[in-house]
C-alpha atoms as a PDB file:
ATOM      1  CA  UNK A   1     -17.318  37.515  -3.148  1.00  0.00           C
ATOM      2  CA  UNK A   2     -16.011  41.002  -2.681  1.00  0.00           C
ATOM      3  CA  UNK A   3     -13.372  41.951  -0.146  1.00  0.00           C
ATOM      4  CA  UNK A   4     -15.964  43.770   1.981  1.00  0.00           C
ATOM      5  CA  UNK A   5     -18.260  40.724   1.975  1.00  0.00           C
ATOM      6  CA  UNK A   6     -15.378  38.547   3.154  1.00  0.00           C
ATOM      7  CA  UNK A   7     -14.462  41.011   5.908  1.00  0.00           C
ATOM      8  CA  UNK A   8     -18.064  40.927   7.126  1.00  0.00           C
ATOM      9  CA  UNK A   9     -18.022  37.095   7.154  1.00  0.00           C
ATOM     10  CA  UNK A  10     -14.705  37.159   9.007  1.00  0.00           C
ATOM     11  CA  UNK A  11     -15.958  39.616  11.615  1.00  0.00           C
ATOM     12  CA  UNK A  12     -19.274  37.858  12.170  1.00  0.00           C
ATOM     13  CA  UNK A  13     -18.269  34.193  11.917  1.00  0.00           C
ATOM     14  CA  UNK A  14     -14.736  33.187  10.939  1.00  0.00           C
ATOM     15  CA  UNK A  15     -12.525  35.055  13.408  1.00  0.00           C
ATOM     16  CA  UNK A  16     -14.014  33.253  16.408  1.00  0.00           C
ATOM     17  CA  UNK A  17     -13.305  29.852  14.827  1.00  0.00           C
ATOM     18  CA  UNK A  18      -9.857  30.906  13.666  1.00  0.00           C
ATOM     19  CA  UNK A  19      -9.048  32.277  17.127  1.00  0.00           C
ATOM     20  CA  UNK A  20      -9.787  28.858  18.608  1.00  0.00           C
ATOM     21  CA  UNK A  21      -7.729  27.086  15.932  1.00  0.00           C
ATOM     22  CA  UNK A  22      -4.668  29.219  16.712  1.00  0.00           C
ATOM     23  CA  UNK A  23      -5.140  30.041  20.396  1.00  0.00           C
ATOM     24  CA  UNK A  24      -5.749  33.719  19.708  1.00  0.00           C
ATOM     25  CA  UNK A  25      -8.737  34.192  22.031  1.00  0.00           C
ATOM     26  CA  UNK A  26      -6.863  36.663  24.273  1.00  0.00           C
ATOM     27  CA  UNK A  27      -5.455  38.659  21.347  1.00  0.00           C
ATOM     28  CA  UNK A  28      -6.765  41.937  19.950  1.00  0.00           C
ATOM     29  CA  UNK A  29      -7.304  41.273  16.271  1.00  0.00           C
ATOM     30  CA  UNK A  30      -7.333  44.268  13.950  1.00  0.00           C
ATOM     31  CA  UNK A  31      -7.759  44.494  10.206  1.00  0.00           C
ATOM     32  CA  UNK A  32      -4.730  45.725   8.251  1.00  0.00           C
ATOM     33  CA  UNK A  33      -5.496  48.008   5.311  1.00  0.00           C
ATOM     34  CA  UNK A  34      -4.699  46.345   2.002  1.00  0.00           C
ATOM     35  CA  UNK A  35      -2.087  47.525  -0.447  1.00  0.00           C
ATOM     36  CA  UNK A  36      -3.044  48.078  -4.074  1.00  0.00           C
ATOM     37  CA  UNK A  37      -3.785  44.698  -5.616  1.00  0.00           C
ATOM     38  CA  UNK A  38      -4.020  42.994  -2.221  1.00  0.00           C
ATOM     39  CA  UNK A  39      -5.499  39.515  -2.553  1.00  0.00           C
ATOM     40  CA  UNK A  40      -5.953  38.471   1.055  1.00  0.00           C
ATOM     41  CA  UNK A  41      -7.634  39.656   4.219  1.00  0.00           C
ATOM     42  CA  UNK A  42      -4.870  40.340   6.734  1.00  0.00           C
ATOM     43  CA  UNK A  43      -5.136  40.979  10.462  1.00  0.00           C
ATOM     44  CA  UNK A  44      -2.629  41.867  13.139  1.00  0.00           C
ATOM     45  CA  UNK A  45      -2.996  39.907  16.362  1.00  0.00           C
ATOM     46  CA  UNK A  46      -1.630  41.627  19.452  1.00  0.00           C
ATOM     47  CA  UNK A  47      -1.497  40.696  23.115  1.00  0.00           C
ATOM     48  CA  UNK A  48       0.342  42.384  25.965  1.00  0.00           C
ATOM     49  CA  UNK A  49       3.556  40.513  26.703  1.00  0.00           C
ATOM     50  CA  UNK A  50       3.421  38.401  23.523  1.00  0.00           C
ATOM     51  CA  UNK A  51       4.982  38.797  20.111  1.00  0.00           C
ATOM     52  CA  UNK A  52       2.522  40.091  17.525  1.00  0.00           C
ATOM     53  CA  UNK A  53       1.288  37.766  14.814  1.00  0.00           C
ATOM     54  CA  UNK A  54      -0.063  38.259  11.308  1.00  0.00           C
ATOM     55  CA  UNK A  55      -3.176  36.326  10.259  1.00  0.00           C
ATOM     56  CA  UNK A  56      -3.790  35.825   6.552  1.00  0.00           C
ATOM     57  CA  UNK A  57      -7.133  34.680   5.161  1.00  0.00           C
ATOM     58  CA  UNK A  58      -7.180  33.829   1.465  1.00  0.00           C
ATOM     59  CA  UNK A  59     -10.552  33.683  -0.217  1.00  0.00           C
ATOM     60  CA  UNK A  60     -10.027  33.876  -3.981  1.00  0.00           C
ATOM     61  CA  UNK A  61     -10.493  30.602  -5.836  1.00  0.00           C
ATOM     62  CA  UNK A  62      -7.527  31.025  -8.189  1.00  0.00           C
ATOM     63  CA  UNK A  63      -5.092  29.018  -6.039  1.00  0.00           C
ATOM     64  CA  UNK A  64      -5.264  25.436  -4.902  1.00  0.00           C
ATOM     65  CA  UNK A  65      -4.418  23.748  -1.627  1.00  0.00           C
ATOM     66  CA  UNK A  66      -1.087  22.581  -3.062  1.00  0.00           C
ATOM     67  CA  UNK A  67      -0.167  26.175  -3.990  1.00  0.00           C
ATOM     68  CA  UNK A  68      -0.660  27.371  -0.412  1.00  0.00           C
ATOM     69  CA  UNK A  69       1.147  24.384   1.062  1.00  0.00           C
ATOM     70  CA  UNK A  70       4.069  24.849  -1.311  1.00  0.00           C
ATOM     71  CA  UNK A  71       4.336  28.524  -0.400  1.00  0.00           C
ATOM     72  CA  UNK A  72       4.237  27.852   3.336  1.00  0.00           C
ATOM     73  CA  UNK A  73       6.719  24.967   3.148  1.00  0.00           C
ATOM     74  CA  UNK A  74       9.044  27.222   1.145  1.00  0.00           C
ATOM     75  CA  UNK A  75       8.793  29.975   3.771  1.00  0.00           C
ATOM     76  CA  UNK A  76       9.456  27.453   6.569  1.00  0.00           C
ATOM     77  CA  UNK A  77      12.476  26.126   4.664  1.00  0.00           C
ATOM     78  CA  UNK A  78      13.896  29.631   4.251  1.00  0.00           C
ATOM     79  CA  UNK A  79      13.277  30.459   7.925  1.00  0.00           C
ATOM     80  CA  UNK A  80      14.802  27.185   9.164  1.00  0.00           C
ATOM     81  CA  UNK A  81      17.921  27.778   7.070  1.00  0.00           C
ATOM     82  CA  UNK A  82      18.579  31.350   8.213  1.00  0.00           C
ATOM     83  CA  UNK A  83      16.540  33.287   5.666  1.00  0.00           C
ATOM     84  CA  UNK A  84      15.229  36.657   6.784  1.00  0.00           C
ATOM     85  CA  UNK A  85      11.542  35.745   6.556  1.00  0.00           C
ATOM     86  CA  UNK A  86       8.722  35.576   9.078  1.00  0.00           C
ATOM     87  CA  UNK A  87       8.136  32.069  10.354  1.00  0.00           C
ATOM     88  CA  UNK A  88       4.863  30.238   9.815  1.00  0.00           C
ATOM     89  CA  UNK A  89       3.032  29.412  13.059  1.00  0.00           C
ATOM     90  CA  UNK A  90       1.173  26.116  13.230  1.00  0.00           C
ATOM     91  CA  UNK A  91      -2.383  25.939  14.503  1.00  0.00           C
ATOM     92  CA  UNK A  92      -3.145  24.170  17.774  1.00  0.00           C
ATOM     93  CA  UNK A  93      -3.861  21.121  15.596  1.00  0.00           C
ATOM     94  CA  UNK A  94      -0.255  21.241  14.352  1.00  0.00           C
ATOM     95  CA  UNK A  95      -1.233  22.462  10.882  1.00  0.00           C
ATOM     96  CA  UNK A  96       0.596  25.171   8.948  1.00  0.00           C
ATOM     97  CA  UNK A  97      -2.558  25.720   6.899  1.00  0.00           C
ATOM     98  CA  UNK A  98      -6.185  25.514   7.919  1.00  0.00           C
ATOM     99  CA  UNK A  99      -8.995  25.212   5.398  1.00  0.00           C
ATOM    100  CA  UNK A 100     -12.213  26.676   6.772  1.00  0.00           C
ATOM    101  CA  UNK A 101     -15.518  26.329   4.953  1.00  0.00           C
ATOM    102  CA  UNK A 102     -18.495  28.592   5.534  1.00  0.00           C
ATOM    103  CA  UNK A 103     -21.755  28.597   3.544  1.00  0.00           C
ATOM    104  CA  UNK A 104     -20.125  26.860   0.596  1.00  0.00           C
ATOM    105  CA  UNK A 105     -17.097  29.172   0.525  1.00  0.00           C
ATOM    106  CA  UNK A 106     -13.555  28.015   1.216  1.00  0.00           C
ATOM    107  CA  UNK A 107     -11.013  30.082   3.129  1.00  0.00           C
ATOM    108  CA  UNK A 108      -7.340  29.168   3.522  1.00  0.00           C
ATOM    109  CA  UNK A 109      -5.904  30.456   6.787  1.00  0.00           C
ATOM    110  CA  UNK A 110      -2.330  30.753   7.995  1.00  0.00           C
ATOM    111  CA  UNK A 111      -0.532  32.620  10.756  1.00  0.00           C
ATOM    112  CA  UNK A 112       2.930  34.217  10.748  1.00  0.00           C
ATOM    113  CA  UNK A 113       5.236  35.795  13.279  1.00  0.00           C
ATOM    114  CA  UNK A 114       5.207  39.554  12.747  1.00  0.00           C
ATOM    115  CA  UNK A 115       8.444  40.802  11.205  1.00  0.00           C
ATOM    116  CA  UNK A 116      10.640  43.108  13.248  1.00  0.00           C
ATOM    117  CA  UNK A 117      11.273  46.673  12.166  1.00  0.00           C
ATOM    118  CA  UNK A 118       9.162  49.318  10.569  1.00  0.00           C
ATOM    119  CA  UNK A 119       8.333  50.625   7.145  1.00  0.00           C
ATOM    120  CA  UNK A 120      10.506  53.299   5.567  1.00  0.00           C
ATOM    121  CA  UNK A 121       7.497  55.598   5.393  1.00  0.00           C
ATOM    122  CA  UNK A 122       7.197  55.404   9.203  1.00  0.00           C
ATOM    123  CA  UNK A 123      10.720  56.843   9.459  1.00  0.00           C
ATOM    124  CA  UNK A 124      10.309  59.627   6.877  1.00  0.00           C
ATOM    125  CA  UNK A 125      11.987  57.411   4.286  1.00  0.00           C
ATOM    126  CA  UNK A 126      15.213  57.295   6.269  1.00  0.00           C
ATOM    127  CA  UNK A 127      16.789  53.908   6.838  1.00  0.00           C
ATOM    128  CA  UNK A 128      18.475  54.709  10.147  1.00  0.00           C
ATOM    129  CA  UNK A 129      19.501  57.975  11.742  1.00  0.00           C
ATOM    130  CA  UNK A 130      22.829  59.069  10.310  1.00  0.00           C
ATOM    131  CA  UNK A 131      22.844  56.364   7.644  1.00  0.00           C
ATOM    132  CA  UNK A 132      22.582  56.885   3.921  1.00  0.00           C
ATOM    133  CA  UNK A 133      19.697  55.216   2.081  1.00  0.00           C
ATOM    134  CA  UNK A 134      22.331  53.368   0.037  1.00  0.00           C
ATOM    135  CA  UNK A 135      22.990  51.183   3.092  1.00  0.00           C
ATOM    136  CA  UNK A 136      19.333  50.139   2.970  1.00  0.00           C
ATOM    137  CA  UNK A 137      19.665  49.150  -0.690  1.00  0.00           C
ATOM    138  CA  UNK A 138      22.898  47.284   0.032  1.00  0.00           C
ATOM    139  CA  UNK A 139      21.326  45.358   2.932  1.00  0.00           C
ATOM    140  CA  UNK A 140      18.229  44.543   0.855  1.00  0.00           C
ATOM    141  CA  UNK A 141      20.490  43.188  -1.847  1.00  0.00           C
ATOM    142  CA  UNK A 142      22.380  41.027   0.657  1.00  0.00           C
ATOM    143  CA  UNK A 143      19.126  39.674   2.041  1.00  0.00           C
ATOM    144  CA  UNK A 144      17.733  38.897  -1.409  1.00  0.00           C
ATOM    145  CA  UNK A 145      21.022  37.278  -2.393  1.00  0.00           C
ATOM    146  CA  UNK A 146      20.893  35.019   0.664  1.00  0.00           C
ATOM    147  CA  UNK A 147      17.285  34.039  -0.086  1.00  0.00           C
ATOM    148  CA  UNK A 148      18.270  33.294  -3.674  1.00  0.00           C
ATOM    149  CA  UNK A 149      21.189  31.132  -2.520  1.00  0.00           C
ATOM    150  CA  UNK A 150      18.955  29.229  -0.095  1.00  0.00           C
ATOM    151  CA  UNK A 151      16.358  28.764  -2.829  1.00  0.00           C
ATOM    152  CA  UNK A 152      18.934  27.163  -5.116  1.00  0.00           C
ATOM    153  CA  UNK A 153      19.569  24.495  -2.469  1.00  0.00           C
ATOM    154  CA  UNK A 154      15.969  23.694  -1.575  1.00  0.00           C
ATOM    155  CA  UNK A 155      15.064  20.048  -2.100  1.00  0.00           C
ATOM    156  CA  UNK A 156      12.286  19.341  -4.540  1.00  0.00           C
ATOM    157  CA  UNK A 157       9.012  19.033  -2.723  1.00  0.00           C
ATOM    158  CA  UNK A 158       7.601  15.561  -2.906  1.00  0.00           C
ATOM    159  CA  UNK A 159       4.350  14.381  -1.394  1.00  0.00           C
ATOM    160  CA  UNK A 160       6.220  12.470   1.327  1.00  0.00           C
ATOM    161  CA  UNK A 161       8.090  15.637   2.329  1.00  0.00           C
ATOM    162  CA  UNK A 162       5.092  17.953   2.312  1.00  0.00           C
ATOM    163  CA  UNK A 163       2.754  15.555   4.003  1.00  0.00           C
ATOM    164  CA  UNK A 164       5.244  14.100   6.492  1.00  0.00           C
ATOM    165  CA  UNK A 165       3.748  16.407   9.112  1.00  0.00           C
ATOM    166  CA  UNK A 166       0.157  17.238   9.894  1.00  0.00           C
ATOM    167  CA  UNK A 167      -0.326  20.190   7.560  1.00  0.00           C
ATOM    168  CA  UNK A 168      -3.963  20.874   6.920  1.00  0.00           C
ATOM    169  CA  UNK A 169      -7.348  20.229   8.392  1.00  0.00           C
ATOM    170  CA  UNK A 170     -10.725  21.285   7.118  1.00  0.00           C
ATOM    171  CA  UNK A 171     -13.081  23.026   9.495  1.00  0.00           C
ATOM    172  CA  UNK A 172     -16.661  23.521   8.375  1.00  0.00           C
ATOM    173  CA  UNK A 173     -19.092  26.073   9.717  1.00  0.00           C
ATOM    174  CA  UNK A 174     -22.648  26.135   8.491  1.00  0.00           C
END
């Protein structure tokens, strides 16, 4: 499937199911333009008075369930131990990953808190008013160093750790 075909399926069928899975019915859901090499369909979910969320729909068949679960568990570990990453939001079923099937196609869906801040391009490539760009590089290095340190201490994922909580449910639509 092409990206445009997936977007059409999302708009016509999947987003309504996904909205129910994550309690996003009252949110405005807008497509985010992909970056070069983007591999997912990504939406921003916004609602007055609520923190924005980022919805990711993966549709390529080059990754397996375990790959997605490992990635999301890793992100949760980093977040829970003070890493500067966006937290994973569980579905209303308590799952950090939802597998949705439609017309024989499989989509892996997850939701994140939207990160604070803005892109450098939105601020004319200035980090902060009156601050040299070198401070940005220094702070990025500190953040990456902390993530690296946390990663060195992460316990090996075992099936009993990953599956100790309700992680994934399959939803079929035909």
